[in-house]
Amino acid sequence: MDALVAAALKKWPNVPHCYGWLALDARGDWYMRDERIQHAGPFPQVKGSRIEHDKLLAFIGRNYAHDDAGCWFFQNGPQRVYVELEATPWVWRLQPDGRVLSHTGMAAQVQASLLDEAGRLYLATDLGLGLVHTADMALAADAVEQGRWVPAEVAAADLPQRYGFVTRPQPPQR
């Protein structure tokens, strides 16, 4: 977490959390979803505005985390902005040298691979569960053919509970 973010949390500890305004799609792209977009339909059917500003993307990536309930968020200064997930909390980018990087640029160590009913490949890693980016399937096929990964079959609907993440965080009921 950025030092400025940690300082803001100490200075303003009771800022309300934000829900529905930020989303992560299955290709690792972040989307802003203002009120108009939220009312137009659910994510990912209505995505919103794709975030393309490099410094903002880096800031989100450095301050991306999860709470004890498995809800992922971006800590934006004193405000926690919860993230809607199209698929998983991570999207993996495979590198020709065999490294696996998250959509935020973090290196991950693969612990298991999974294949769902639609043919999507997931990697369970030391960072958590993520979906392999569609553009990297040739490298993924090489890893499977070389025996580095042996995908187990899984139902996509079972992944959130099995790996402890929430795809659509909601405010607590009062």
Protein backbone atom coordinates (compact mmCIF):
# COMPACT_ATOMS: atom_id res chain seq x y z
CA MET A 1 0.00 0.00 0.00
CA ASP A 2 1.28 3.47 -0.81
CA ALA A 3 2.53 5.51 2.16
CA LEU A 4 0.17 8.36 1.23
CA VAL A 5 -2.77 5.95 1.30
CA ALA A 6 -1.78 4.61 4.73
CA ALA A 7 -1.45 8.18 6.05
CA ALA A 8 -4.88 9.10 4.66
CA LEU A 9 -6.42 6.09 6.41
CA LYS A 10 -4.99 7.26 9.73
CA LYS A 11 -6.16 10.84 9.16
CA TRP A 12 -9.69 9.90 7.99
CA PRO A 13 -10.47 6.41 9.37
CA ASN A 14 -14.26 6.50 8.95
CA VAL A 15 -14.76 7.34 5.27
CA PRO A 16 -17.66 5.23 3.90
CA HIS A 17 -16.83 2.41 1.51
CA CYS A 18 -17.80 2.67 -2.15
CA TYR A 19 -19.63 -0.10 -4.04
CA GLY A 20 -20.39 -0.60 -7.73
CA TRP A 21 -18.05 2.06 -9.10
CA LEU A 22 -15.05 -0.08 -10.10
CA ALA A 23 -14.92 -3.38 -11.97
CA LEU A 24 -12.33 -5.80 -13.30
CA ASP A 25 -13.10 -7.74 -16.47
CA ALA A 26 -11.83 -11.16 -17.55
CA ARG A 27 -9.01 -9.57 -19.56
CA GLY A 28 -7.60 -7.62 -16.61
CA ASP A 29 -9.04 -4.25 -17.63
CA TRP A 30 -10.43 -1.87 -15.01
CA TYR A 31 -13.72 -0.04 -15.60
CA MET A 32 -15.24 2.99 -13.88
CA ARG A 33 -18.98 2.59 -13.47
CA ASP A 34 -20.72 5.85 -12.58
CA GLU A 35 -24.36 5.97 -11.47
CA ARG A 36 -25.68 6.23 -15.03
CA ILE A 37 -23.76 3.10 -16.07
CA GLN A 38 -24.78 1.22 -12.94
CA HIS A 39 -28.45 1.94 -13.70
CA ALA A 40 -27.98 0.90 -17.36
CA GLY A 41 -27.21 -2.70 -16.38
CA PRO A 42 -25.01 -5.08 -14.43
CA PHE A 43 -21.32 -5.66 -15.05
CA PRO A 44 -20.06 -7.05 -17.42
CA GLN A 45 -23.08 -6.62 -19.71
CA VAL A 46 -22.64 -2.86 -19.30
CA LYS A 47 -18.98 -2.22 -18.58
CA GLY A 48 -18.58 1.52 -18.23
CA SER A 49 -15.45 3.54 -19.02
CA ARG A 50 -12.21 1.59 -19.44
CA ILE A 51 -9.40 3.10 -17.37
CA GLU A 52 -6.40 3.77 -19.58
CA HIS A 53 -4.33 6.31 -17.63
CA ASP A 54 -1.00 4.58 -16.84
CA LYS A 55 -0.38 6.30 -13.51
CA LEU A 56 -3.93 5.61 -12.30
CA LEU A 57 -3.63 1.96 -13.34
CA ALA A 58 -0.34 1.67 -11.44
CA PHE A 59 -1.89 3.34 -8.36
CA ILE A 60 -4.85 0.95 -8.41
CA GLY A 61 -2.49 -2.01 -8.83
CA ARG A 62 -0.33 -0.99 -5.86
CA ASN A 63 -3.37 -0.54 -3.62
CA TYR A 64 -5.43 -3.60 -4.70
CA ALA A 65 -6.21 -5.98 -1.83
CA HIS A 66 -9.00 -8.01 -0.22
CA ASP A 67 -10.80 -8.03 3.10
CA ASP A 68 -11.39 -11.00 5.39
CA ALA A 69 -14.68 -11.81 3.62
CA GLY A 70 -12.92 -12.21 0.24
CA CYS A 71 -14.16 -8.92 -1.20
CA TRP A 72 -11.51 -7.26 -3.36
CA PHE A 73 -11.03 -3.50 -3.25
CA PHE A 74 -8.84 -0.61 -4.27
CA GLN A 75 -7.79 1.53 -1.31
CA ASN A 76 -8.18 5.05 -2.71
CA GLY A 77 -6.74 7.19 0.04
CA PRO A 78 -9.11 6.85 2.99
CA GLN A 79 -11.87 5.28 0.88
CA ARG A 80 -12.15 1.58 0.12
CA VAL A 81 -13.57 1.12 -3.39
CA TYR A 82 -14.90 -2.42 -3.76
CA VAL A 83 -14.36 -4.16 -7.10
CA GLU A 84 -16.88 -6.18 -9.09
CA LEU A 85 -15.16 -9.14 -10.71
CA GLU A 86 -16.22 -10.58 -14.04
CA ALA A 87 -14.34 -13.80 -13.32
CA THR A 88 -11.59 -13.86 -10.68
CA PRO A 89 -9.55 -11.39 -8.59
CA TRP A 90 -6.50 -11.94 -10.79
CA VAL A 91 -5.92 -12.17 -14.52
CA TRP A 92 -2.64 -13.90 -15.36
CA ARG A 93 -0.30 -12.82 -18.13
CA LEU A 94 2.07 -15.59 -19.13
CA GLN A 95 5.61 -14.69 -20.11
CA PRO A 96 7.74 -16.53 -22.72
CA ASP A 97 10.34 -17.26 -20.01
CA GLY A 98 7.73 -19.14 -17.94
CA ARG A 99 6.93 -16.39 -15.43
CA VAL A 100 3.33 -15.68 -14.49
CA LEU A 101 2.42 -12.05 -13.83
CA SER A 102 -0.84 -10.61 -12.56
CA HIS A 103 -2.77 -7.91 -14.38
CA THR A 104 -1.19 -5.55 -11.82
CA GLY A 105 2.35 -6.73 -12.63
CA MET A 106 2.97 -8.93 -9.57
CA ALA A 107 4.86 -12.20 -10.00
CA ALA A 108 2.99 -15.35 -8.96
CA GLN A 109 4.01 -18.94 -8.28
CA VAL A 110 1.66 -21.51 -9.78
CA GLN A 111 0.37 -24.16 -7.37
CA ALA A 112 -2.39 -25.75 -9.48
CA SER A 113 -4.22 -25.36 -12.78
CA LEU A 114 -7.94 -25.77 -13.42
CA LEU A 115 -10.10 -26.01 -16.51
CA ASP A 116 -13.80 -25.13 -16.45
CA GLU A 117 -16.74 -26.33 -18.53
CA ALA A 118 -16.22 -23.49 -21.05
CA GLY A 119 -12.53 -24.31 -21.57
CA ARG A 120 -11.24 -21.38 -19.48
CA LEU A 121 -7.92 -22.01 -17.74
CA TYR A 122 -7.36 -20.83 -14.17
CA LEU A 123 -4.20 -20.86 -12.11
CA ALA A 124 -4.20 -21.16 -8.33
CA THR A 125 -1.09 -19.33 -7.12
CA ASP A 126 0.52 -17.96 -3.99
CA LEU A 127 -1.44 -14.72 -4.66
CA GLY A 128 -4.79 -16.48 -5.15
CA LEU A 129 -6.89 -17.67 -8.04
CA GLY A 130 -6.82 -16.05 -11.45
CA LEU A 131 -7.91 -16.57 -15.01
CA VAL A 132 -5.30 -16.94 -17.75
CA HIS A 133 -5.60 -14.08 -20.26
CA THR A 134 -7.06 -15.23 -23.57
CA ALA A 135 -4.08 -13.83 -25.49
CA ASP A 136 -1.75 -16.16 -23.58
CA MET A 137 -3.42 -19.48 -24.33
CA ALA A 138 -0.63 -20.64 -26.70
CA LEU A 139 1.89 -20.30 -23.84
CA ALA A 140 -0.56 -22.03 -21.51
CA ALA A 141 -0.97 -24.91 -23.97
CA ASP A 142 2.82 -25.27 -24.07
CA ALA A 143 2.92 -25.52 -20.25
CA VAL A 144 0.22 -28.21 -20.30
CA GLU A 145 1.90 -30.15 -23.14
CA GLN A 146 5.24 -30.04 -21.29
CA GLY A 147 3.54 -31.41 -18.16
CA ARG A 148 4.26 -28.31 -16.05
CA TRP A 149 0.52 -27.90 -15.51
CA VAL A 150 -2.06 -30.68 -15.32
CA PRO A 151 -5.45 -28.95 -15.24
CA ALA A 152 -8.12 -30.43 -13.00
CA GLU A 153 -11.75 -30.07 -14.09
CA VAL A 154 -13.80 -27.52 -12.17
CA ALA A 155 -17.19 -25.83 -12.45
CA ALA A 156 -16.75 -22.06 -12.82
CA ALA A 157 -19.68 -21.46 -10.45
CA ASP A 158 -17.79 -23.27 -7.66
CA LEU A 159 -14.66 -21.12 -7.83
CA PRO A 160 -15.70 -18.16 -5.63
CA GLN A 161 -16.60 -20.34 -2.67
CA ARG A 162 -13.72 -22.77 -3.19
CA TYR A 163 -11.12 -19.98 -3.42
CA GLY A 164 -12.76 -17.50 -1.05
CA PHE A 165 -13.56 -14.49 -3.22
CA VAL A 166 -16.70 -12.45 -3.83
CA THR A 167 -17.53 -11.37 -7.38
CA ARG A 168 -20.04 -8.65 -6.45
CA PRO A 169 -19.35 -7.08 -3.04
CA GLN A 170 -22.38 -5.52 -1.35
CA PRO A 171 -22.65 -3.02 1.49
CA PRO A 172 -23.47 -4.58 4.85
CA GLN A 173 -27.17 -4.72 5.67
CA ARG A 174 -28.14 -2.50 8.57
